[in-house]
Amino acid sequence: MSDGHAPSTENKIKKKFTFPHVFVLLFGLIILTSLLTYIIPAGEFEREMNEQGRTVVIDGTYQAVSSNPTGFFGIFEAVHKGMVQGAEIIFFIFIVGGAFGILSATQAIETGFASVATKLASKEVYLIPIVMLLFALGGGTFGMSEETIPFIMILVPLALKLGFDSLVGAGMVIIGSCIGFTASFMNPFTIGVAQGIAELPQFSGMGVRFIIWIIFVSISIIFVMLYAKKIKKNPEKSSMYKIDQQRTITETFPEHETRLTTRQWIIIGLLIASIIMLALGVIYFHWYIMEIASLFLVMGVFAGFIGRLRVNQIAEAFINGCKDLIVGALVVGFAFGILVVLEESKTIDTILFTASNLVSQLPTTFSAMGIYLMQSFINFFVPSGSGQAALTMPLVTPLSDLTGVNRQTAVMAFQFGDGISNAITPTAGVLMASLAIAKIPWTVWLRWVMPLLVLFYILGAVTLTIIHLFVWPA
């Protein structure tokens, strides 16, 4: 009798390991960071408002302060405080998600992509460079980041419809915008802020940066295309195969209707006009999250009326769009909770001070590399590009002068250090929100994208060395 029951008991014991939910992962990082506040000494820099109206640290003002480690209850308070601190981005995600919910209810985008899928029969892979180039341009020109989140809802189903997997769909958006952001040639939120603090002419060195942008983006496109071809040939090689098989793509992309109506063409035109207006608004009128969210909301409402949706249908579609992004939006709050712990325990400045001291002790030849590594390390704790620039560049600028590194090179070291790891850092709210919406586990994404990022880290180091020695010598 026991032999008959043994296999079932053994099967129950041998349960496959399941990686923790994204909320479990981030809450675990909050706990770990809280424990570190008992080890890392507290300290802080004095801060001042610069000419651009940004609060920056003052070099040479670091001093030790009374320790303020995070207590047991403070760990749980960090979640709520993180939600409050990240509220601007969280509600941006909800509003844009709701707007795209209305857009989805008109079936314009879905029918348009279904039409594209039909026309690209056997040539689907060539859609990848077009889409990635657009997102890379957005990242390289106006710092496209949070704005990419709603496109995950469109491009992941499209990738599946074309015979790829969800990694290809998410990769077109995340890698495209992230690498465009990393090698940007005129991003106002990174280069603009960093050069302003370093007292360099705004967007100077654009020619060199544009060449680097082309190289980085080209490598990214090749990486995604090669993987897409492999999955198209053998879908079961995808680490997302089982999860993707459970998705209901037919609900998102109509199987039969691939012709756009006149109204749907107008709605697509409205979307394109909104994206153009978004770029112009960010570049020329300094729009940020509130203005962008409002723009998408206007677009959604107008799209609903053009699509002949009744008022109640528009409201219901908006709510459904918000529902789809609940996990993605709340992930941002958990990620901000980690930063809250570091700020309230007054350990973030100690980390920055220690890292900058280590760089200052390096030989001149390796100083640019040291700044690069320091920025990569700091980015885990401060994934915001403009925030990291405001925090680190007031220290990096005199440090680069002291160690014989041209300030342009120092700005580029900041760019690479801030940007590359944005594609894997679990504290980056935009990344984690995008992965949550795409239903891709962080570990699966990490394994897939890591070879590309290792290549970029090496390429970044080589580029900085060449620039330091031959392009922008001290």
Protein backbone atom coordinates (compact mmCIF):
# COMPACT_ATOMS: atom_id res chain seq x y z
CA MET A 1 0.00 0.00 0.00
CA SER A 2 2.80 2.40 0.88
CA ASP A 3 4.37 1.97 -2.59
CA GLY A 4 1.17 3.19 -4.20
CA HIS A 5 1.13 6.42 -2.19
CA ALA A 6 4.86 7.20 -2.31
CA PRO A 7 4.96 8.96 -5.69
CA SER A 8 2.19 11.42 -4.80
CA THR A 9 3.86 12.27 -1.48
CA GLU A 10 7.20 12.74 -3.22
CA ASN A 11 5.60 15.03 -5.80
CA LYS A 12 4.18 17.19 -3.04
CA ILE A 13 7.61 17.50 -1.44
CA LYS A 14 9.36 18.30 -4.71
CA LYS A 15 7.60 21.57 -5.37
CA LYS A 16 9.24 23.84 -7.85
CA PHE A 17 10.82 26.95 -6.34
CA THR A 18 8.79 30.08 -7.02
CA PHE A 19 10.61 33.40 -7.03
CA PRO A 20 9.12 35.92 -4.59
CA HIS A 21 6.47 38.33 -5.84
CA VAL A 22 7.78 41.77 -6.78
CA PHE A 23 6.25 43.25 -3.61
CA VAL A 24 8.01 40.60 -1.51
CA LEU A 25 11.31 41.38 -3.25
CA LEU A 26 11.03 45.12 -2.70
CA PHE A 27 9.82 44.79 0.89
CA GLY A 28 12.79 42.50 1.50
CA LEU A 29 15.08 45.25 0.20
CA ILE A 30 13.39 47.73 2.56
CA ILE A 31 14.12 45.37 5.47
CA LEU A 32 17.74 44.86 4.34
CA THR A 33 18.27 48.60 3.93
CA SER A 34 16.77 49.19 7.37
CA LEU A 35 19.23 46.70 8.90
CA LEU A 36 22.11 48.50 7.18
CA THR A 37 21.12 51.74 8.94
CA TYR A 38 22.43 50.13 12.15
CA ILE A 39 25.83 49.60 10.49
CA ILE A 40 26.32 52.64 8.23
CA PRO A 41 27.18 55.80 10.25
CA ALA A 42 24.78 58.72 9.91
CA GLY A 43 26.02 61.91 8.30
CA GLU A 44 24.91 64.70 6.01
CA PHE A 45 26.04 67.45 3.67
CA GLU A 46 24.78 70.99 3.78
CA ARG A 47 22.59 71.85 0.80
CA GLU A 48 21.75 74.99 -1.15
CA MET A 49 19.57 76.10 -4.04
CA ASN A 50 21.55 76.55 -7.26
CA GLU A 51 20.82 78.97 -10.14
CA GLN A 52 18.59 76.39 -11.84
CA GLY A 53 16.41 76.17 -8.72
CA ARG A 54 17.63 72.69 -7.75
CA THR A 55 18.70 71.70 -4.26
CA VAL A 56 22.30 70.44 -4.42
CA VAL A 57 24.87 69.32 -1.85
CA ILE A 58 27.79 71.60 -0.93
CA ASP A 59 31.18 69.96 -1.34
CA GLY A 60 33.33 69.80 1.80
CA THR A 61 30.43 70.19 4.23
CA TYR A 62 29.92 66.53 5.20
CA GLN A 63 29.76 65.92 8.93
CA ALA A 64 28.70 63.09 11.19
CA VAL A 65 25.30 63.45 12.88
CA SER A 66 23.36 61.51 15.48
CA SER A 67 22.46 58.01 14.39
CA ASN A 68 18.83 57.47 13.44
CA PRO A 69 18.45 53.79 12.47
CA THR A 70 15.10 52.52 11.20
CA GLY A 71 13.05 50.75 13.85
CA PHE A 72 10.66 47.83 13.42
CA PHE A 73 7.59 50.02 12.91
CA GLY A 74 9.60 52.35 10.67
CA ILE A 75 10.04 49.50 8.17
CA PHE A 76 6.27 49.39 7.63
CA GLU A 77 5.95 53.19 7.71
CA ALA A 78 8.47 53.32 4.84
CA VAL A 79 5.91 51.66 2.55
CA HIS A 80 3.31 54.37 3.18
CA LYS A 81 5.88 57.16 3.04
CA GLY A 82 7.23 55.70 -0.20
CA MET A 83 3.71 55.74 -1.66
CA VAL A 84 3.37 59.40 -0.66
CA GLN A 85 6.81 60.33 -2.01
CA GLY A 86 6.15 58.47 -5.24
CA ALA A 87 2.55 59.72 -5.53
CA GLU A 88 3.35 61.91 -8.53
CA ILE A 89 4.54 58.93 -10.56
CA ILE A 90 1.93 56.54 -9.13
CA PHE A 91 -0.99 58.73 -10.15
CA PHE A 92 0.70 59.47 -13.46
CA ILE A 93 0.63 55.72 -14.14
CA PHE A 94 -3.04 55.47 -13.15
CA ILE A 95 -4.12 58.46 -15.27
CA VAL A 96 -2.14 57.40 -18.34
CA GLY A 97 -3.31 53.80 -17.87
CA GLY A 98 -6.90 55.01 -17.72
CA ALA A 99 -6.40 57.10 -20.85
CA PHE A 100 -5.01 54.10 -22.71
CA GLY A 101 -7.94 52.08 -21.37
CA ILE A 102 -10.26 54.44 -23.23
CA LEU A 103 -8.03 54.22 -26.30
CA SER A 104 -8.16 50.42 -26.08
CA ALA A 105 -11.96 50.47 -25.89
CA THR A 106 -12.06 52.09 -29.34
CA GLN A 107 -10.01 49.12 -30.73
CA ALA A 108 -8.05 51.60 -32.90
CA ILE A 109 -4.56 50.66 -31.70
CA GLU A 110 -5.32 46.94 -31.57
CA THR A 111 -6.80 46.88 -35.06
CA GLY A 112 -3.91 48.99 -36.36
CA PHE A 113 -1.32 46.59 -34.98
CA ALA A 114 -3.32 43.60 -36.22
CA SER A 115 -3.16 45.20 -39.67
CA VAL A 116 0.59 45.70 -39.31
CA ALA A 117 0.99 42.07 -38.20
CA THR A 118 -0.84 40.91 -41.34
CA LYS A 119 1.23 43.09 -43.66
CA LEU A 120 4.50 42.06 -42.01
CA ALA A 121 3.98 38.34 -42.56
CA SER A 122 7.44 36.70 -42.56
CA LYS A 123 9.06 40.13 -42.03
CA GLU A 124 7.89 40.76 -38.45
CA VAL A 125 11.40 41.14 -37.07
CA TYR A 126 11.89 44.39 -39.00
CA LEU A 127 9.33 46.10 -36.80
CA ILE A 128 11.80 45.85 -33.90
CA PRO A 129 14.39 48.39 -35.13
CA ILE A 130 11.64 50.88 -36.03
CA VAL A 131 10.00 50.70 -32.60
CA MET A 132 13.28 50.65 -30.65
CA LEU A 133 14.65 53.59 -32.61
CA LEU A 134 11.57 55.67 -31.73
CA PHE A 135 11.90 54.89 -28.00
CA ALA A 136 15.66 55.47 -28.12
CA LEU A 137 15.06 58.88 -29.71
CA GLY A 138 12.61 59.66 -26.93
CA GLY A 139 15.15 58.65 -24.29
CA GLY A 140 17.96 60.50 -26.04
CA THR A 141 16.14 63.79 -26.59
CA PHE A 142 13.57 64.46 -23.89
CA GLY A 143 14.47 61.80 -21.32
CA MET A 144 11.57 59.47 -22.07
CA SER A 145 11.13 57.22 -19.05
CA GLU A 146 7.81 57.13 -17.17
CA GLU A 147 6.10 57.90 -20.48
CA THR A 148 7.04 54.43 -21.79
CA ILE A 149 4.95 52.51 -19.24
CA PRO A 150 1.60 52.53 -21.09
CA PHE A 151 3.24 51.27 -24.30
CA ILE A 152 4.07 48.01 -22.53
CA MET A 153 0.33 47.24 -22.64
CA ILE A 154 0.39 47.53 -26.44
CA LEU A 155 3.75 46.11 -27.48
CA VAL A 156 3.80 42.96 -25.34
CA PRO A 157 0.56 41.63 -26.90
CA LEU A 158 1.81 42.75 -30.32
CA ALA A 159 5.06 40.80 -29.90
CA LEU A 160 3.09 37.69 -28.97
CA LYS A 161 0.80 38.22 -31.94
CA LEU A 162 3.83 38.36 -34.23
CA GLY A 163 5.17 35.06 -32.89
CA PHE A 164 7.77 36.40 -30.43
CA ASP A 165 7.54 36.44 -26.62
CA SER A 166 6.82 39.02 -23.93
CA LEU A 167 10.56 39.66 -23.43
CA VAL A 168 10.76 40.98 -27.00
CA GLY A 169 7.71 43.20 -26.44
CA ALA A 170 9.02 44.61 -23.16
CA GLY A 171 12.57 44.78 -24.49
CA MET A 172 11.61 47.00 -27.40
CA VAL A 173 10.25 49.53 -24.91
CA ILE A 174 12.54 49.18 -21.88
CA ILE A 175 15.87 48.59 -23.63
CA GLY A 176 15.07 51.08 -26.40
CA SER A 177 14.27 53.94 -24.04
CA CYS A 178 16.85 52.97 -21.38
CA ILE A 179 19.82 52.80 -23.75
CA GLY A 180 18.65 55.93 -25.55
CA PHE A 181 18.50 57.58 -22.12
CA THR A 182 21.95 56.21 -21.15
CA ALA A 183 23.78 57.45 -24.26
CA SER A 184 21.61 60.54 -24.60
CA PHE A 185 22.89 63.53 -26.54
CA MET A 186 20.41 66.16 -25.24
CA ASN A 187 18.44 64.76 -22.29
CA PRO A 188 17.46 67.80 -20.18
CA PHE A 189 16.98 65.69 -17.02
CA THR A 190 20.49 64.17 -17.01
CA ILE A 191 22.88 66.02 -19.31
CA GLY A 192 21.08 69.33 -18.80
CA VAL A 193 21.21 69.14 -15.00
CA ALA A 194 24.71 67.61 -14.82
CA GLN A 195 26.27 70.13 -17.23
CA GLY A 196 24.52 72.99 -15.43
CA ILE A 197 26.06 71.95 -12.10
CA ALA A 198 29.46 71.33 -13.77
CA GLU A 199 29.25 74.84 -15.29
CA LEU A 200 29.51 73.57 -18.87
CA PRO A 201 27.64 75.04 -21.87
CA GLN A 202 24.21 73.40 -22.16
CA PHE A 203 24.31 70.27 -24.35
CA SER A 204 27.94 70.90 -25.32
CA GLY A 205 29.75 67.87 -26.74
CA MET A 206 26.56 66.78 -28.52
CA GLY A 207 28.43 65.51 -31.59
CA VAL A 208 30.49 63.01 -29.59
CA ARG A 209 27.45 61.91 -27.61
CA PHE A 210 25.41 61.41 -30.77
CA ILE A 211 28.03 59.03 -32.19
CA ILE A 212 28.00 57.06 -28.92
CA TRP A 213 24.19 57.03 -28.98
CA ILE A 214 24.19 55.49 -32.46
CA ILE A 215 26.64 52.75 -31.36
CA PHE A 216 24.75 51.89 -28.16
CA VAL A 217 21.32 51.87 -29.82
CA SER A 218 22.55 49.78 -32.76
CA ILE A 219 23.93 47.11 -30.42
CA SER A 220 20.63 47.08 -28.49
CA ILE A 221 18.58 46.58 -31.64
CA ILE A 222 20.83 43.75 -32.85
CA PHE A 223 20.54 42.01 -29.46
CA VAL A 224 16.73 42.08 -29.46
CA MET A 225 16.45 41.13 -33.14
CA LEU A 226 18.75 38.10 -32.80
CA TYR A 227 16.78 36.89 -29.79
CA ALA A 228 13.46 37.51 -31.57
CA LYS A 229 14.58 35.43 -34.57
CA LYS A 230 15.55 32.57 -32.25
CA ILE A 231 12.16 32.63 -30.49
CA LYS A 232 10.28 32.92 -33.77
CA LYS A 233 12.04 29.76 -34.95
CA ASN A 234 11.53 27.85 -31.69
CA PRO A 235 9.07 29.49 -29.22
CA GLU A 236 9.75 26.89 -26.52
CA LYS A 237 13.27 28.27 -26.05
CA SER A 238 11.73 31.31 -24.36
CA SER A 239 11.95 31.39 -20.56
CA MET A 240 8.54 33.09 -20.70
CA TYR A 241 6.96 30.35 -22.85
CA LYS A 242 4.67 28.84 -20.18
CA ILE A 243 3.57 32.23 -18.85
CA ASP A 244 2.94 33.60 -22.34
CA GLN A 245 0.85 30.55 -23.23
CA GLN A 246 -1.59 31.53 -20.49
CA ARG A 247 -2.23 34.99 -21.95
CA THR A 248 -5.38 35.64 -23.96
CA ILE A 249 -4.06 37.60 -26.90
CA THR A 250 -7.23 37.33 -28.96
CA GLU A 251 -9.02 39.57 -26.49
CA THR A 252 -6.49 42.33 -27.18
CA PHE A 253 -5.93 41.81 -30.89
CA PRO A 254 -8.96 40.98 -33.05
CA GLU A 255 -8.46 37.85 -35.12
CA HIS A 256 -10.54 38.88 -38.10
CA GLU A 257 -10.88 42.66 -38.24
CA THR A 258 -7.66 44.20 -39.56
CA ARG A 259 -9.09 47.18 -41.46
CA LEU A 260 -9.14 50.52 -39.73
CA THR A 261 -12.30 52.60 -39.94
CA THR A 262 -12.12 56.34 -40.63
CA ARG A 263 -12.75 57.07 -36.96
CA GLN A 264 -9.97 54.69 -35.90
CA TRP A 265 -7.57 56.41 -38.31
CA ILE A 266 -8.45 59.74 -36.68
CA ILE A 267 -7.82 58.24 -33.22
CA ILE A 268 -4.39 56.96 -34.30
CA GLY A 269 -3.65 60.41 -35.70
CA LEU A 270 -4.67 61.87 -32.33
CA LEU A 271 -2.24 59.51 -30.56
CA ILE A 272 0.62 60.46 -32.90
CA ALA A 273 -0.16 64.17 -32.45
CA SER A 274 -0.17 63.70 -28.66
CA ILE A 275 3.26 62.02 -28.72
CA ILE A 276 4.66 64.85 -30.85
CA MET A 277 3.12 67.40 -28.50
CA LEU A 278 4.61 65.51 -25.54
CA ALA A 279 8.12 65.75 -27.03
CA LEU A 280 7.72 69.46 -27.82
CA GLY A 281 6.26 70.16 -24.39
CA VAL A 282 9.15 68.48 -22.57
CA ILE A 283 11.87 70.05 -24.71
CA TYR A 284 10.55 73.60 -25.10
CA PHE A 285 8.10 74.14 -22.22
CA HIS A 286 9.74 71.96 -19.55
CA TRP A 287 6.69 69.76 -19.08
CA TYR A 288 6.89 67.08 -16.49
CA ILE A 289 4.60 64.40 -15.07
CA MET A 290 1.53 66.56 -14.35
CA GLU A 291 1.42 68.13 -17.83
CA ILE A 292 2.13 64.80 -19.57
CA ALA A 293 -0.60 63.01 -17.60
CA SER A 294 -3.05 65.80 -18.47
CA LEU A 295 -2.12 65.55 -22.15
CA PHE A 296 -2.81 61.80 -22.22
CA LEU A 297 -6.08 62.28 -20.33
CA VAL A 298 -7.26 64.83 -22.91
CA MET A 299 -6.23 62.42 -25.66
CA GLY A 300 -8.15 59.57 -24.03
CA VAL A 301 -11.36 61.55 -23.57
CA PHE A 302 -11.29 62.87 -27.15
CA ALA A 303 -10.52 59.38 -28.47
CA GLY A 304 -13.56 58.07 -26.60
CA PHE A 305 -15.88 60.61 -28.16
CA ILE A 306 -14.38 60.11 -31.63
CA GLY A 307 -14.85 56.36 -31.18
CA ARG A 308 -18.55 56.95 -30.37
CA LEU A 309 -18.27 55.70 -26.79
CA ARG A 310 -20.97 56.91 -24.41
CA VAL A 311 -19.93 58.92 -21.36
CA ASN A 312 -20.43 55.96 -19.02
CA GLN A 313 -18.44 53.72 -21.36
CA ILE A 314 -15.57 56.19 -21.29
CA ALA A 315 -15.65 56.19 -17.49
CA GLU A 316 -15.72 52.39 -17.33
CA ALA A 317 -12.89 52.10 -19.87
CA PHE A 318 -10.84 54.56 -17.80
CA ILE A 319 -11.36 52.46 -14.66
CA ASN A 320 -10.45 49.26 -16.50
CA GLY A 321 -7.26 50.89 -17.74
CA CYS A 322 -6.37 51.85 -14.16
CA LYS A 323 -7.07 48.30 -12.96
CA ASP A 324 -4.56 46.89 -15.43
CA LEU A 325 -1.81 49.03 -13.88
CA ILE A 326 -2.53 48.64 -10.16
CA VAL A 327 0.45 46.39 -9.51
CA GLY A 328 2.76 48.50 -11.67
CA ALA A 329 1.73 51.73 -9.94
CA LEU A 330 2.05 50.41 -6.39
CA VAL A 331 5.47 48.93 -7.15
CA VAL A 332 6.74 52.50 -7.50
CA GLY A 333 5.74 53.26 -3.90
CA PHE A 334 7.61 50.20 -2.58
CA ALA A 335 10.72 51.24 -4.55
CA PHE A 336 10.53 54.75 -3.09
CA GLY A 337 10.27 53.18 0.38
CA ILE A 338 13.92 52.13 0.12
CA LEU A 339 14.98 55.72 -0.54
CA VAL A 340 12.83 56.90 2.39
CA VAL A 341 14.76 54.59 4.75
CA LEU A 342 18.11 55.95 3.53
CA GLU A 343 17.01 59.58 3.77
CA GLU A 344 15.40 59.38 7.20
CA SER A 345 18.32 57.42 8.68
CA LYS A 346 20.70 60.03 7.20
CA THR A 347 22.87 57.32 5.63
CA ILE A 348 22.56 58.27 1.95
CA ASP A 349 25.08 61.13 2.32
CA THR A 350 27.51 58.82 4.13
CA ILE A 351 27.37 56.38 1.21
CA LEU A 352 28.02 59.25 -1.22
CA PHE A 353 30.84 60.70 0.89
CA THR A 354 32.60 57.33 1.23
CA ALA A 355 32.30 56.58 -2.49
CA SER A 356 33.71 59.97 -3.52
CA ASN A 357 36.64 59.59 -1.09
CA LEU A 358 37.52 56.24 -2.62
CA VAL A 359 37.52 57.75 -6.12
CA SER A 360 39.76 60.65 -5.03
CA GLN A 361 42.48 58.18 -4.02
CA LEU A 362 42.67 56.56 -7.47
CA PRO A 363 45.52 57.34 -9.92
CA THR A 364 44.63 59.95 -12.56
CA THR A 365 44.39 57.32 -15.32
CA PHE A 366 41.65 55.46 -13.45
CA SER A 367 39.79 58.46 -12.03
CA ALA A 368 37.19 58.58 -14.82
CA MET A 369 36.60 54.87 -14.29
CA GLY A 370 36.23 55.46 -10.56
CA ILE A 371 33.57 58.14 -11.15
CA TYR A 372 31.80 55.71 -13.51
CA LEU A 373 31.77 52.94 -10.87
CA MET A 374 30.70 55.36 -8.14
CA GLN A 375 27.74 56.59 -10.20
CA SER A 376 26.72 53.00 -10.99
CA PHE A 377 26.78 52.19 -7.27
CA ILE A 378 24.86 55.32 -6.23
CA ASN A 379 22.22 54.64 -8.89
CA PHE A 380 21.00 51.63 -6.90
CA PHE A 381 20.02 53.98 -4.09
CA VAL A 382 18.99 57.00 -6.21
CA PRO A 383 17.62 55.72 -9.56
CA SER A 384 16.30 59.15 -10.55
CA GLY A 385 18.60 60.69 -13.19
CA SER A 386 18.04 64.34 -12.23
CA GLY A 387 18.06 63.42 -8.52
CA GLN A 388 21.37 61.62 -8.85
CA ALA A 389 22.85 64.53 -10.80
CA ALA A 390 21.79 66.99 -8.10
CA LEU A 391 23.19 64.71 -5.39
CA THR A 392 26.50 63.69 -6.95
CA MET A 393 27.66 66.28 -9.48
CA PRO A 394 28.44 68.99 -6.87
CA LEU A 395 30.98 66.50 -5.48
CA VAL A 396 32.09 64.99 -8.79
CA THR A 397 32.85 68.37 -10.39
CA PRO A 398 35.63 69.45 -7.98
CA LEU A 399 36.70 65.79 -7.71
CA SER A 400 37.22 65.62 -11.49
CA ASP A 401 39.28 68.83 -11.39
CA LEU A 402 41.39 67.43 -8.56
CA THR A 403 42.04 64.10 -10.30
CA GLY A 404 42.68 65.49 -13.80
CA VAL A 405 39.42 64.40 -15.44
CA ASN A 406 37.78 66.77 -17.94
CA ARG A 407 34.33 67.86 -16.72
CA GLN A 408 32.73 66.65 -19.98
CA THR A 409 34.18 63.20 -19.30
CA ALA A 410 32.85 63.34 -15.74
CA VAL A 411 29.37 64.14 -17.08
CA MET A 412 29.57 61.17 -19.45
CA ALA A 413 30.72 58.91 -16.59
CA PHE A 414 27.63 60.07 -14.73
CA GLN A 415 25.46 59.31 -17.79
CA PHE A 416 26.73 55.74 -18.13
CA GLY A 417 26.69 55.05 -14.41
CA ASP A 418 23.17 56.41 -14.02
CA GLY A 419 21.69 54.91 -17.17
CA ILE A 420 22.93 51.36 -17.79
CA SER A 421 21.79 49.89 -14.49
CA ASN A 422 18.31 51.41 -14.88
CA ALA A 423 17.51 48.32 -16.96
CA ILE A 424 18.04 45.97 -13.98
CA THR A 425 17.91 47.98 -10.72
CA PRO A 426 15.03 46.69 -8.56
CA THR A 427 14.77 50.11 -6.90
CA ALA A 428 13.94 51.74 -10.26
CA GLY A 429 10.18 52.25 -10.07
CA VAL A 430 9.69 52.63 -13.84
CA LEU A 431 11.46 49.33 -14.58
CA MET A 432 9.63 47.36 -11.90
CA ALA A 433 6.28 48.88 -12.91
CA SER A 434 6.92 47.96 -16.56
CA LEU A 435 7.87 44.38 -15.69
CA ALA A 436 4.81 44.04 -13.45
CA ILE A 437 2.54 45.19 -16.27
CA ALA A 438 4.29 42.83 -18.72
CA LYS A 439 4.00 40.01 -16.11
CA ILE A 440 7.70 39.26 -16.43
CA PRO A 441 9.46 38.14 -13.22
CA TRP A 442 12.46 40.33 -12.39
CA THR A 443 14.82 37.31 -12.27
CA VAL A 444 13.75 36.19 -15.75
CA TRP A 445 14.32 39.70 -17.07
CA LEU A 446 17.71 39.90 -15.29
CA ARG A 447 18.96 36.64 -16.84
CA TRP A 448 17.81 37.74 -20.30
CA VAL A 449 19.17 41.29 -20.35
CA MET A 450 22.36 40.79 -18.29
CA PRO A 451 24.63 39.72 -21.21
CA LEU A 452 23.71 42.93 -23.03
CA LEU A 453 24.34 45.08 -19.95
CA VAL A 454 27.71 43.44 -19.25
CA LEU A 455 28.65 44.34 -22.82
CA PHE A 456 27.51 47.91 -22.24
CA TYR A 457 29.43 48.21 -18.96
CA ILE A 458 32.59 47.10 -20.78
CA LEU A 459 31.82 49.36 -23.75
CA GLY A 460 31.19 52.25 -21.35
CA ALA A 461 34.57 51.70 -19.69
CA VAL A 462 36.37 51.55 -23.05
CA THR A 463 34.53 54.65 -24.30
CA LEU A 464 35.40 56.66 -21.18
CA THR A 465 39.07 55.63 -21.45
CA ILE A 466 39.25 56.73 -25.10
CA ILE A 467 37.44 60.00 -24.37
CA HIS A 468 39.59 60.69 -21.29
CA LEU A 469 42.82 60.17 -23.24
CA PHE A 470 42.04 61.51 -26.72
CA VAL A 471 38.73 63.42 -27.01
CA TRP A 472 38.38 65.47 -23.81
CA PRO A 473 41.79 65.34 -22.12
CA ALA A 474 42.22 67.26 -18.86
